[in-house]
Amino acid sequence: MIVKIRSARFEDAALIYQLIQAKAEFDRRIGAYSGIVQTTVEKIQQTIFSDRPFAFVLLAEAEGSI
């Protein structure tokens, strides 16, 4: 299996949001997080893909899946 690491693109914002939601749900199940995710796709777009990004995201792809 070949795994590729790439920088996230603007069109990945919804996928990044889904990954954040999935991680939060996992953490809730193990008792490590009890809060509510307070971000949105739009906030992710502004935070990661602005002229001065606050964060950077790398995604791993294997066999067409993230």
Foldseek 3Di string as FASTA:
>chain_A
DDKDKDWDDLVCLVVVVVVVVVVQVVCVVVPNDDDDDDDDSVNSSCQAVPPDHPDTDMDMDDPRRD
